[in-house]
C-alpha atoms as a PDB file:
ATOM      1  CA  MET A   1      13.888 -27.329 -11.048  1.00  0.00           C
ATOM      2  CA  GLY A   2      14.835 -28.352  -7.476  1.00  0.00           C
ATOM      3  CA  LYS A   3      12.359 -27.514  -4.726  1.00  0.00           C
ATOM      4  CA  ILE A   4      15.057 -25.449  -3.179  1.00  0.00           C
ATOM      5  CA  ALA A   5      15.110 -23.017  -6.098  1.00  0.00           C
ATOM      6  CA  ASP A   6      11.346 -23.383  -6.447  1.00  0.00           C
ATOM      7  CA  ASN A   7      10.614 -22.057  -3.344  1.00  0.00           C
ATOM      8  CA  GLU A   8      13.144 -19.869  -3.623  1.00  0.00           C
ATOM      9  CA  ARG A   9      10.909 -18.316  -6.835  1.00  0.00           C
ATOM     10  CA  ILE A  10       8.127 -17.957  -4.198  1.00  0.00           C
ATOM     11  CA  LYS A  11       9.605 -16.338  -1.274  1.00  0.00           C
ATOM     12  CA  LEU A  12      10.619 -13.883  -3.932  1.00  0.00           C
ATOM     13  CA  LYS A  13       6.899 -13.291  -4.859  1.00  0.00           C
ATOM     14  CA  ALA A  14       5.682 -13.677  -1.119  1.00  0.00           C
ATOM     15  CA  THR A  15       8.294 -10.783  -0.700  1.00  0.00           C
ATOM     16  CA  PHE A  16       7.312  -8.615  -3.933  1.00  0.00           C
ATOM     17  CA  CYS A  17       3.761  -8.376  -3.096  1.00  0.00           C
ATOM     18  CA  ASN A  18       4.486  -8.001   0.856  1.00  0.00           C
ATOM     19  CA  ASN A  19       6.637  -5.104  -0.282  1.00  0.00           C
ATOM     20  CA  VAL A  20       3.843  -3.760  -2.560  1.00  0.00           C
ATOM     21  CA  ALA A  21       1.298  -3.939   0.590  1.00  0.00           C
ATOM     22  CA  ALA A  22       3.713  -1.856   2.340  1.00  0.00           C
ATOM     23  CA  GLY A  23       4.621   0.753   0.087  1.00  0.00           C
ATOM     24  CA  SER A  24       0.784   1.210  -1.128  1.00  0.00           C
ATOM     25  CA  LEU A  25      -0.287   0.953   2.573  1.00  0.00           C
ATOM     26  CA  VAL A  26       2.584   3.651   4.480  1.00  0.00           C
ATOM     27  CA  GLY A  27       1.799   5.773   0.760  1.00  0.00           C
ATOM     28  CA  GLY A  28      -1.821   5.250   1.307  1.00  0.00           C
ATOM     29  CA  ALA A  29      -1.729   6.602   4.290  1.00  0.00           C
ATOM     30  CA  ALA A  30       1.395   9.090   4.337  1.00  0.00           C
ATOM     31  CA  VAL A  31       0.635  11.311   1.794  1.00  0.00           C
ATOM     32  CA  PRO A  32      -2.448  12.725   2.707  1.00  0.00           C
ATOM     33  CA  TYR A  33      -0.653  14.183   6.016  1.00  0.00           C
ATOM     34  CA  VAL A  34       2.516  15.445   4.385  1.00  0.00           C
ATOM     35  CA  SER A  35       0.607  16.930   1.717  1.00  0.00           C
ATOM     36  CA  PHE A  36      -1.563  18.887   4.372  1.00  0.00           C
ATOM     37  CA  PHE A  37       1.328  19.663   6.790  1.00  0.00           C
ATOM     38  CA  GLN A  38       3.170  21.346   3.564  1.00  0.00           C
ATOM     39  CA  LYS A  39       0.424  23.448   2.248  1.00  0.00           C
ATOM     40  CA  ILE A  40       0.176  24.633   6.838  1.00  0.00           C
ATOM     41  CA  ALA A  41       4.167  24.896   6.392  1.00  0.00           C
ATOM     42  CA  SER A  42       4.274  27.208   3.092  1.00  0.00           C
ATOM     43  CA  HIS A  43       1.342  29.293   4.607  1.00  0.00           C
ATOM     44  CA  GLN A  44      -1.016  27.831   1.906  1.00  0.00           C
ATOM     45  CA  THR A  45      -4.990  28.104   2.752  1.00  0.00           C
ATOM     46  CA  PHE A  46      -6.234  24.678   3.269  1.00  0.00           C
ATOM     47  CA  SER A  47      -9.718  24.497   3.192  1.00  0.00           C
ATOM     48  CA  LEU A  48     -11.528  21.173   3.293  1.00  0.00           C
ATOM     49  CA  THR A  49     -14.900  22.681   3.354  1.00  0.00           C
ATOM     50  CA  THR A  50     -16.414  21.147   0.127  1.00  0.00           C
ATOM     51  CA  PRO A  51     -17.045  17.242   0.238  1.00  0.00           C
ATOM     52  CA  SER A  52     -15.729  16.752  -2.634  1.00  0.00           C
ATOM     53  CA  GLU A  53     -11.966  17.190  -1.276  1.00  0.00           C
ATOM     54  CA  TRP A  54     -13.106  15.137   1.420  1.00  0.00           C
ATOM     55  CA  SER A  55     -14.169  12.678  -0.617  1.00  0.00           C
ATOM     56  CA  ALA A  56     -11.145  12.736  -2.830  1.00  0.00           C
ATOM     57  CA  ILE A  57      -9.078  12.349   0.366  1.00  0.00           C
ATOM     58  CA  GLY A  58     -10.854   9.186   1.275  1.00  0.00           C
ATOM     59  CA  ALA A  59     -11.347   7.482  -1.982  1.00  0.00           C
ATOM     60  CA  ALA A  60      -7.333   7.741  -2.147  1.00  0.00           C
ATOM     61  CA  ILE A  61      -6.902   6.719   0.979  1.00  0.00           C
ATOM     62  CA  LEU A  62      -9.704   3.870   0.445  1.00  0.00           C
ATOM     63  CA  ILE A  63      -8.316   2.728  -2.848  1.00  0.00           C
ATOM     64  CA  ALA A  64      -4.085   2.139  -1.405  1.00  0.00           C
ATOM     65  CA  PHE A  65      -5.243   0.638   1.614  1.00  0.00           C
ATOM     66  CA  ALA A  66      -7.411  -1.835  -0.943  1.00  0.00           C
ATOM     67  CA  ILE A  67      -4.368  -2.397  -2.771  1.00  0.00           C
ATOM     68  CA  ALA A  68      -2.364  -3.365   0.280  1.00  0.00           C
ATOM     69  CA  ILE A  69      -4.958  -5.895   1.459  1.00  0.00           C
ATOM     70  CA  VAL A  70      -4.975  -7.455  -2.694  1.00  0.00           C
ATOM     71  CA  PHE A  71      -1.089  -7.729  -2.143  1.00  0.00           C
ATOM     72  CA  ARG A  72      -0.536  -8.951   1.329  1.00  0.00           C
ATOM     73  CA  TRP A  73      -3.617 -11.868   0.461  1.00  0.00           C
ATOM     74  CA  GLU A  74      -1.435 -12.460  -2.632  1.00  0.00           C
ATOM     75  CA  ALA A  75       1.918 -12.965  -0.557  1.00  0.00           C
ATOM     76  CA  ASN A  76       0.176 -14.767   1.814  1.00  0.00           C
ATOM     77  CA  SER A  77      -1.181 -17.268  -0.536  1.00  0.00           C
ATOM     78  CA  GLU A  78       2.198 -17.240  -2.454  1.00  0.00           C
ATOM     79  CA  ILE A  79       3.765 -18.751   1.198  1.00  0.00           C
ATOM     80  CA  LYS A  80       1.143 -21.208   1.291  1.00  0.00           C
ATOM     81  CA  LYS A  81       2.672 -23.275  -1.276  1.00  0.00           C
ATOM     82  CA  ILE A  82       5.811 -23.402   0.097  1.00  0.00           C
ATOM     83  CA  THR A  83       7.056 -27.645   0.462  1.00  0.00           C
ATOM     84  CA  ASP A  84       9.161 -28.604   2.836  1.00  0.00           C
END
């Protein structure tokens, strides 16, 4: 293929990786907050008194952020492959 087609393929892969990174970042940050406020709105008891509940939420956030970092790093490495 030509240089233009190869560059477009690289851009598409980088865009995909960047979108996965953004999605996991938003999901990892927003989902715990949304579930917390949803339980408050429905008048359910929501106690974070046990360490296991805090660690589960923290682990989910850290995993989502780690996925975001990995995919963002992959997007950056793909962009560096573009030739003039």
